[in-house]
Amino acid sequence: VVLGYLNPENFLGGAIKLDLERARQHIKVQIADPLGLSVEDAAAGVIELLDLTLSEYLRANISAKGYNPAEFTCFSYGGAGPVHTYGYTGGVGFKDVVVPAWAAGFSAFGCACADFEYRYDKSVDLGVGQFAPDASKETACRILQEAWSELAVKVIEEFRTNGFDARDVVLIPGYKMQYMGQLNDLEIVSPVATASSAEDWDRIVDAFENTYGRVYASSARSPELGFSITGAILRGMVVTQKPVLPEDPDAGPTPPGEAYLGVRPFYRHKEWMDAALWKMESLKAGNHIVGPAIIESDATTFVVPGGFETTIDKHRLFHLKEVK
């Protein structure tokens, strides 16, 4: 509110009024004065620290699984999420950054559309050397398969209790594996539906080593230590019918006049500037907006600062990009 991101008169469509002066006073007393900062710089610092924390969390979680952000699209949602989208995605390098026009209800939309799933885990203690004989590998597979079979009974029973037919349940086995002697395991989706042979064990190990190489580096692999499975995992899933998203006709890059709401002072990078205001519901498919801009809805606010631009597609999804 202090920085001009939010309209104090339009929070929740105006149902709740935000007190700008009270917000300024609290930031001044609690943050700005103790640090010798202006109210605006103190407020901006809070935003920057929050966005940095979110950005680092994203990077850590993606890299921990051995993935590259450039291969993924980031969806930003929730009522407050689009306020911070530029801050926590900027510089991460996602293939695309998407803000749904219905961001405030996107979590509920996802829950309503998601497949049904149950998951059960069981601790196991399996250790097999790098050059173990086939008999040892087969024994390990037998123990792992017994754990999966035990978990499958529980998963299917969960679905039956909730009125689903067992024939509709797709079972997805997995496991937790690490090199023997190490402290941290990795969770792997099994490359085999059932485990019984030495060849199955080799595929299980290969899947682990491929993931380990992505997460840490191929040079960090230590197969000479042997392989330890610490947990069996079984997920059961029933696929649900997915909705068909409506498609709006392309109206071109220029927003309609009725979507423009004027300008509002907006503070970023230690200076005030005028941000163009747009009504989210009035924007059309194909419309292109260059920051600084603020796109307002009753339930969310989408901030597009200078150096960023966004385009809305036929499904009313905003695509945010950094201007190079």
Protein backbone atom coordinates (compact mmCIF):
# COMPACT_ATOMS: atom_id res chain seq x y z
CA VAL A 1 0.00 0.00 0.00
CA VAL A 2 2.81 2.43 0.93
CA LEU A 3 4.62 1.77 -2.35
CA GLY A 4 1.55 2.13 -4.54
CA TYR A 5 1.30 -1.55 -5.43
CA LEU A 6 -2.19 -1.92 -3.97
CA ASN A 7 -5.20 0.34 -4.27
CA PRO A 8 -6.35 0.97 -0.68
CA GLU A 9 -9.85 1.73 -1.94
CA ASN A 10 -10.22 -1.50 -3.95
CA PHE A 11 -9.02 -4.26 -1.63
CA LEU A 12 -11.43 -7.18 -2.13
CA GLY A 13 -13.33 -4.99 -4.54
CA GLY A 14 -13.63 -2.21 -1.97
CA ALA A 15 -15.23 -4.41 0.69
CA ILE A 16 -12.32 -3.59 3.00
CA LYS A 17 -10.58 -0.22 3.04
CA LEU A 18 -6.84 -0.15 3.74
CA ASP A 19 -5.44 2.66 5.91
CA LEU A 20 -2.47 4.13 4.03
CA GLU A 21 -1.44 6.54 6.77
CA ARG A 22 -1.57 3.88 9.45
CA ALA A 23 0.57 1.61 7.26
CA ARG A 24 3.11 4.40 6.79
CA GLN A 25 3.20 5.12 10.52
CA HIS A 26 3.84 1.51 11.51
CA ILE A 27 6.61 1.08 8.94
CA LYS A 28 8.15 4.36 10.08
CA VAL A 29 8.15 3.44 13.78
CA GLN A 30 9.06 -0.23 13.50
CA ILE A 31 11.47 -0.29 10.55
CA ALA A 32 12.34 3.04 8.94
CA ASP A 33 13.35 5.10 11.98
CA PRO A 34 15.44 2.37 13.68
CA LEU A 35 17.35 1.81 10.42
CA GLY A 36 17.60 5.45 9.42
CA LEU A 37 15.64 4.92 6.21
CA SER A 38 12.78 6.68 4.53
CA VAL A 39 9.40 5.02 4.86
CA GLU A 40 9.45 4.17 1.15
CA ASP A 41 12.91 2.59 1.25
CA ALA A 42 12.00 0.60 4.35
CA ALA A 43 8.84 -0.73 2.70
CA ALA A 44 10.74 -1.50 -0.50
CA GLY A 45 13.34 -3.37 1.54
CA VAL A 46 10.65 -5.57 3.06
CA ILE A 47 9.37 -6.43 -0.42
CA GLU A 48 12.88 -7.13 -1.74
CA LEU A 49 13.75 -9.42 1.18
CA LEU A 50 10.51 -11.34 0.78
CA ASP A 51 10.97 -11.72 -2.97
CA LEU A 52 14.60 -12.77 -2.52
CA THR A 53 13.58 -15.42 0.01
CA LEU A 54 10.95 -16.79 -2.36
CA SER A 55 13.38 -16.73 -5.30
CA GLU A 56 16.08 -18.60 -3.39
CA TYR A 57 13.52 -21.14 -2.22
CA LEU A 58 12.49 -21.76 -5.82
CA ARG A 59 16.08 -22.14 -6.99
CA ALA A 60 16.96 -24.49 -4.13
CA ASN A 61 13.97 -26.76 -4.66
CA ILE A 62 14.43 -26.97 -8.41
CA SER A 63 18.19 -27.57 -8.31
CA ALA A 64 17.82 -30.07 -5.44
CA LYS A 65 15.88 -32.29 -7.82
CA GLY A 66 18.44 -31.86 -10.57
CA TYR A 67 16.22 -29.82 -12.85
CA ASN A 68 16.84 -26.73 -14.96
CA PRO A 69 14.34 -23.83 -14.54
CA ALA A 70 14.56 -23.19 -18.29
CA GLU A 71 12.62 -26.41 -18.82
CA PHE A 72 9.66 -25.33 -16.67
CA THR A 73 6.78 -22.87 -16.56
CA CYS A 74 6.15 -21.14 -13.24
CA PHE A 75 2.50 -20.50 -12.30
CA SER A 76 1.96 -17.62 -9.90
CA TYR A 77 -1.38 -17.56 -8.14
CA GLY A 78 -3.25 -16.70 -4.98
CA GLY A 79 -4.62 -13.30 -4.19
CA ALA A 80 -1.20 -11.90 -3.23
CA GLY A 81 0.98 -14.04 -5.49
CA PRO A 82 0.82 -11.84 -8.62
CA VAL A 83 1.98 -8.83 -6.59
CA HIS A 84 5.33 -10.56 -6.12
CA THR A 85 5.63 -12.57 -9.35
CA TYR A 86 8.22 -10.34 -10.99
CA GLY A 87 10.29 -10.27 -7.80
CA TYR A 88 10.68 -13.98 -7.19
CA THR A 89 10.84 -15.14 -10.82
CA GLY A 90 13.11 -12.42 -12.22
CA GLY A 91 16.52 -13.85 -13.05
CA VAL A 92 15.57 -17.46 -12.25
CA GLY A 93 15.30 -18.28 -15.95
CA PHE A 94 11.94 -20.04 -16.25
CA LYS A 95 10.78 -20.99 -19.73
CA ASP A 96 7.59 -19.05 -19.03
CA VAL A 97 5.92 -17.30 -16.10
CA VAL A 98 2.12 -17.46 -16.03
CA VAL A 99 -0.40 -15.53 -13.94
CA PRO A 100 -4.00 -16.77 -14.36
CA ALA A 101 -6.66 -14.07 -14.50
CA TRP A 102 -8.44 -16.15 -11.84
CA ALA A 103 -5.29 -16.28 -9.69
CA ALA A 104 -7.18 -15.88 -6.42
CA GLY A 105 -9.20 -19.03 -7.13
CA PHE A 106 -6.50 -21.01 -8.91
CA SER A 107 -5.70 -23.26 -5.93
CA ALA A 108 -9.36 -24.23 -5.62
CA PHE A 109 -9.50 -24.74 -9.39
CA GLY A 110 -6.49 -27.04 -9.16
CA CYS A 111 -8.01 -29.06 -6.34
CA ALA A 112 -11.24 -29.46 -8.28
CA CYS A 113 -9.39 -30.65 -11.39
CA ALA A 114 -6.63 -32.72 -9.80
CA ASP A 115 -6.43 -36.48 -10.03
CA PHE A 116 -7.27 -38.37 -6.84
CA GLU A 117 -4.19 -39.79 -5.18
CA TYR A 118 -3.17 -41.69 -2.06
CA ARG A 119 0.37 -42.43 -1.01
CA TYR A 120 1.82 -44.86 1.50
CA ASP A 121 5.45 -45.23 2.59
CA LYS A 122 7.27 -48.01 4.40
CA SER A 123 10.79 -47.99 5.83
CA VAL A 124 13.04 -50.75 4.53
CA ASP A 125 16.72 -51.49 4.98
CA LEU A 126 18.30 -52.91 1.84
CA GLY A 127 21.99 -52.81 1.03
CA VAL A 128 23.53 -54.20 -2.16
CA GLY A 129 27.14 -53.81 -3.27
CA GLN A 130 28.19 -52.45 -6.64
CA PHE A 131 29.29 -55.85 -7.92
CA ALA A 132 26.90 -58.00 -5.92
CA PRO A 133 25.91 -61.36 -7.42
CA ASP A 134 22.56 -61.71 -9.13
CA ALA A 135 21.19 -63.66 -6.18
CA SER A 136 21.71 -60.66 -3.88
CA LYS A 137 20.03 -58.34 -6.36
CA GLU A 138 17.07 -60.71 -6.69
CA THR A 139 16.71 -60.89 -2.90
CA ALA A 140 16.67 -57.10 -2.68
CA CYS A 141 14.03 -56.95 -5.40
CA ARG A 142 11.91 -59.52 -3.59
CA ILE A 143 11.97 -57.52 -0.34
CA LEU A 144 11.19 -54.28 -2.16
CA GLN A 145 8.35 -55.90 -4.09
CA GLU A 146 6.89 -57.33 -0.88
CA ALA A 147 6.83 -53.81 0.56
CA TRP A 148 5.14 -52.45 -2.57
CA SER A 149 2.55 -55.23 -2.47
CA GLU A 150 1.81 -54.50 1.19
CA LEU A 151 1.39 -50.80 0.45
CA ALA A 152 -0.78 -51.53 -2.60
CA VAL A 153 -3.36 -53.23 -0.38
CA LYS A 154 -3.57 -50.11 1.78
CA VAL A 155 -3.75 -47.73 -1.16
CA ILE A 156 -6.50 -49.67 -2.92
CA GLU A 157 -8.44 -49.97 0.33
CA GLU A 158 -8.34 -46.17 0.66
CA PHE A 159 -9.88 -45.80 -2.77
CA ARG A 160 -12.51 -48.46 -2.13
CA THR A 161 -13.48 -46.75 1.11
CA ASN A 162 -14.07 -43.58 -0.87
CA GLY A 163 -16.21 -45.25 -3.49
CA PHE A 164 -13.70 -45.88 -6.27
CA ASP A 165 -13.34 -49.07 -8.30
CA ALA A 166 -10.00 -50.78 -7.73
CA ARG A 167 -9.74 -51.35 -11.49
CA ASP A 168 -9.49 -47.59 -12.03
CA VAL A 169 -6.50 -47.19 -9.71
CA VAL A 170 -3.10 -46.70 -11.32
CA LEU A 171 -0.29 -47.81 -9.01
CA ILE A 172 3.01 -45.92 -9.18
CA PRO A 173 5.84 -47.51 -7.17
CA GLY A 174 8.85 -45.59 -5.93
CA TYR A 175 11.71 -45.83 -3.47
CA LYS A 176 14.24 -43.86 -1.47
CA MET A 177 17.84 -44.72 -2.26
CA GLN A 178 21.30 -43.52 -1.29
CA TYR A 179 24.86 -44.69 -1.51
CA MET A 180 25.67 -46.81 1.51
CA GLY A 181 27.16 -44.75 4.32
CA GLN A 182 25.66 -41.46 3.14
CA LEU A 183 23.09 -39.58 5.20
CA ASN A 184 20.67 -38.26 2.59
CA ASP A 185 18.55 -40.33 0.24
CA LEU A 186 16.80 -39.38 -2.98
CA GLU A 187 13.21 -40.18 -3.82
CA ILE A 188 12.90 -41.98 -7.15
CA VAL A 189 9.91 -43.02 -9.24
CA SER A 190 10.55 -46.66 -10.06
CA PRO A 191 11.47 -47.45 -13.67
CA VAL A 192 9.93 -50.92 -13.19
CA ALA A 193 6.32 -51.69 -12.30
CA THR A 194 7.37 -54.81 -10.39
CA ALA A 195 10.79 -55.88 -9.13
CA SER A 196 12.00 -59.46 -9.26
CA SER A 197 15.15 -59.92 -11.33
CA ALA A 198 18.77 -58.76 -11.27
CA GLU A 199 17.98 -56.76 -14.40
CA ASP A 200 15.19 -54.98 -12.52
CA TRP A 201 17.64 -54.09 -9.76
CA ASP A 202 20.10 -52.70 -12.29
CA ARG A 203 17.38 -50.46 -13.72
CA ILE A 204 16.46 -49.30 -10.21
CA VAL A 205 20.11 -48.40 -9.58
CA ASP A 206 20.46 -46.66 -12.95
CA ALA A 207 17.43 -44.46 -12.23
CA PHE A 208 18.95 -43.48 -8.89
CA GLU A 209 22.36 -42.70 -10.38
CA ASN A 210 20.84 -40.60 -13.16
CA THR A 211 18.94 -38.55 -10.60
CA TYR A 212 21.98 -38.29 -8.33
CA GLY A 213 24.03 -36.97 -11.23
CA ARG A 214 21.43 -34.31 -11.99
CA VAL A 215 21.17 -33.20 -8.38
CA TYR A 216 24.83 -33.17 -7.38
CA ALA A 217 26.95 -33.81 -10.52
CA SER A 218 27.97 -36.94 -12.36
CA SER A 219 31.44 -36.74 -10.82
CA ALA A 220 29.89 -37.01 -7.34
CA ARG A 221 28.52 -40.48 -7.96
CA SER A 222 29.99 -43.11 -5.64
CA PRO A 223 28.81 -46.54 -6.82
CA GLU A 224 31.80 -48.17 -5.13
CA LEU A 225 30.03 -47.55 -1.80
CA GLY A 226 27.15 -49.78 -2.78
CA PHE A 227 23.46 -48.94 -2.83
CA SER A 228 20.98 -48.69 0.01
CA ILE A 229 17.20 -48.47 -0.23
CA THR A 230 15.75 -46.85 2.88
CA GLY A 231 12.10 -46.64 1.96
CA ALA A 232 9.43 -48.10 -0.31
CA ILE A 233 6.79 -45.77 -1.75
CA LEU A 234 3.52 -46.54 -3.45
CA ARG A 235 1.18 -43.96 -4.93
CA GLY A 236 -2.25 -44.80 -6.21
CA MET A 237 -3.99 -42.48 -8.65
CA VAL A 238 -7.41 -42.25 -10.25
CA VAL A 239 -7.48 -39.92 -13.24
CA THR A 240 -10.33 -37.42 -13.24
CA GLN A 241 -12.08 -35.80 -16.15
CA LYS A 242 -10.41 -32.50 -16.98
CA PRO A 243 -12.36 -29.34 -17.85
CA VAL A 244 -12.09 -27.70 -21.24
CA LEU A 245 -10.88 -24.13 -20.83
CA PRO A 246 -12.86 -21.53 -22.77
CA GLU A 247 -11.02 -19.76 -25.57
CA ASP A 248 -11.38 -16.03 -26.20
CA PRO A 249 -10.84 -14.58 -29.69
CA ASP A 250 -7.63 -12.65 -30.25
CA ALA A 251 -8.34 -8.91 -29.96
CA GLY A 252 -4.84 -7.73 -30.84
CA PRO A 253 -2.12 -6.15 -28.71
CA THR A 254 -3.85 -2.85 -27.92
CA PRO A 255 -6.06 -2.98 -24.80
CA PRO A 256 -9.58 -1.54 -25.08
CA GLY A 257 -10.14 1.95 -23.76
CA GLU A 258 -12.50 0.80 -21.03
CA ALA A 259 -9.71 -1.29 -19.49
CA TYR A 260 -7.57 1.77 -18.75
CA LEU A 261 -8.07 3.19 -15.24
CA GLY A 262 -5.47 5.96 -15.23
CA VAL A 263 -2.15 6.06 -13.38
CA ARG A 264 -0.93 5.63 -9.80
CA PRO A 265 2.39 6.64 -8.22
CA PHE A 266 4.54 3.53 -7.85
CA TYR A 267 7.82 3.31 -5.92
CA ARG A 268 10.66 1.06 -7.02
CA HIS A 269 14.44 1.36 -7.22
CA LYS A 270 14.41 4.45 -4.98
CA GLU A 271 12.16 6.54 -7.20
CA TRP A 272 8.51 7.27 -7.74
CA MET A 273 7.06 6.77 -11.20
CA ASP A 274 3.61 6.62 -12.72
CA ALA A 275 2.29 3.11 -13.30
CA ALA A 276 -0.54 2.63 -15.79
CA LEU A 277 -3.60 1.05 -14.19
CA TRP A 278 -5.65 -1.59 -15.99
CA LYS A 279 -8.84 -3.42 -15.11
CA MET A 280 -8.06 -7.13 -15.42
CA GLU A 281 -11.58 -8.20 -16.36
CA SER A 282 -11.68 -5.73 -19.28
CA LEU A 283 -8.46 -6.89 -20.92
CA LYS A 284 -8.82 -9.09 -24.00
CA ALA A 285 -6.90 -12.02 -25.43
CA GLY A 286 -3.81 -10.81 -27.25
CA ASN A 287 -3.54 -7.53 -25.29
CA HIS A 288 0.05 -6.54 -24.56
CA ILE A 289 1.09 -4.35 -21.62
CA VAL A 290 4.54 -2.95 -20.91
CA GLY A 291 5.54 -1.97 -17.38
CA PRO A 292 5.39 -0.04 -15.22
CA ALA A 293 1.79 -1.14 -14.97
CA ILE A 294 -0.60 -2.51 -12.38
CA ILE A 295 -3.44 -4.79 -13.42
CA GLU A 296 -6.23 -4.75 -10.85
CA SER A 297 -9.02 -7.16 -10.06
CA ASP A 298 -11.32 -7.36 -7.06
CA ALA A 299 -9.46 -10.40 -5.74
CA THR A 300 -5.87 -9.87 -6.89
CA THR A 301 -3.35 -7.32 -8.14
CA PHE A 302 -0.80 -8.13 -10.83
CA VAL A 303 2.27 -5.87 -10.70
CA VAL A 304 4.26 -5.41 -13.93
CA PRO A 305 7.18 -3.09 -13.10
CA GLY A 306 9.51 -1.37 -15.53
CA GLY A 307 11.67 -3.88 -17.37
CA PHE A 308 8.80 -6.36 -17.65
CA GLU A 309 5.93 -6.91 -20.07
CA THR A 310 2.92 -9.20 -20.19
CA THR A 311 0.51 -10.59 -22.77
CA ILE A 312 -2.82 -12.27 -22.08
CA ASP A 313 -3.62 -15.40 -24.08
CA LYS A 314 -6.87 -16.98 -25.25
CA HIS A 315 -7.29 -18.83 -21.93
CA ARG A 316 -6.92 -15.59 -19.94
CA LEU A 317 -3.45 -16.48 -18.76
CA PHE A 318 -0.98 -13.61 -18.45
CA HIS A 319 2.56 -14.40 -19.61
CA LEU A 320 5.17 -12.28 -17.84
CA LYS A 321 8.55 -11.65 -19.47
CA GLU A 322 11.59 -9.58 -18.67
CA VAL A 323 12.35 -7.02 -21.37
CA LYS A 324 15.86 -7.66 -22.63
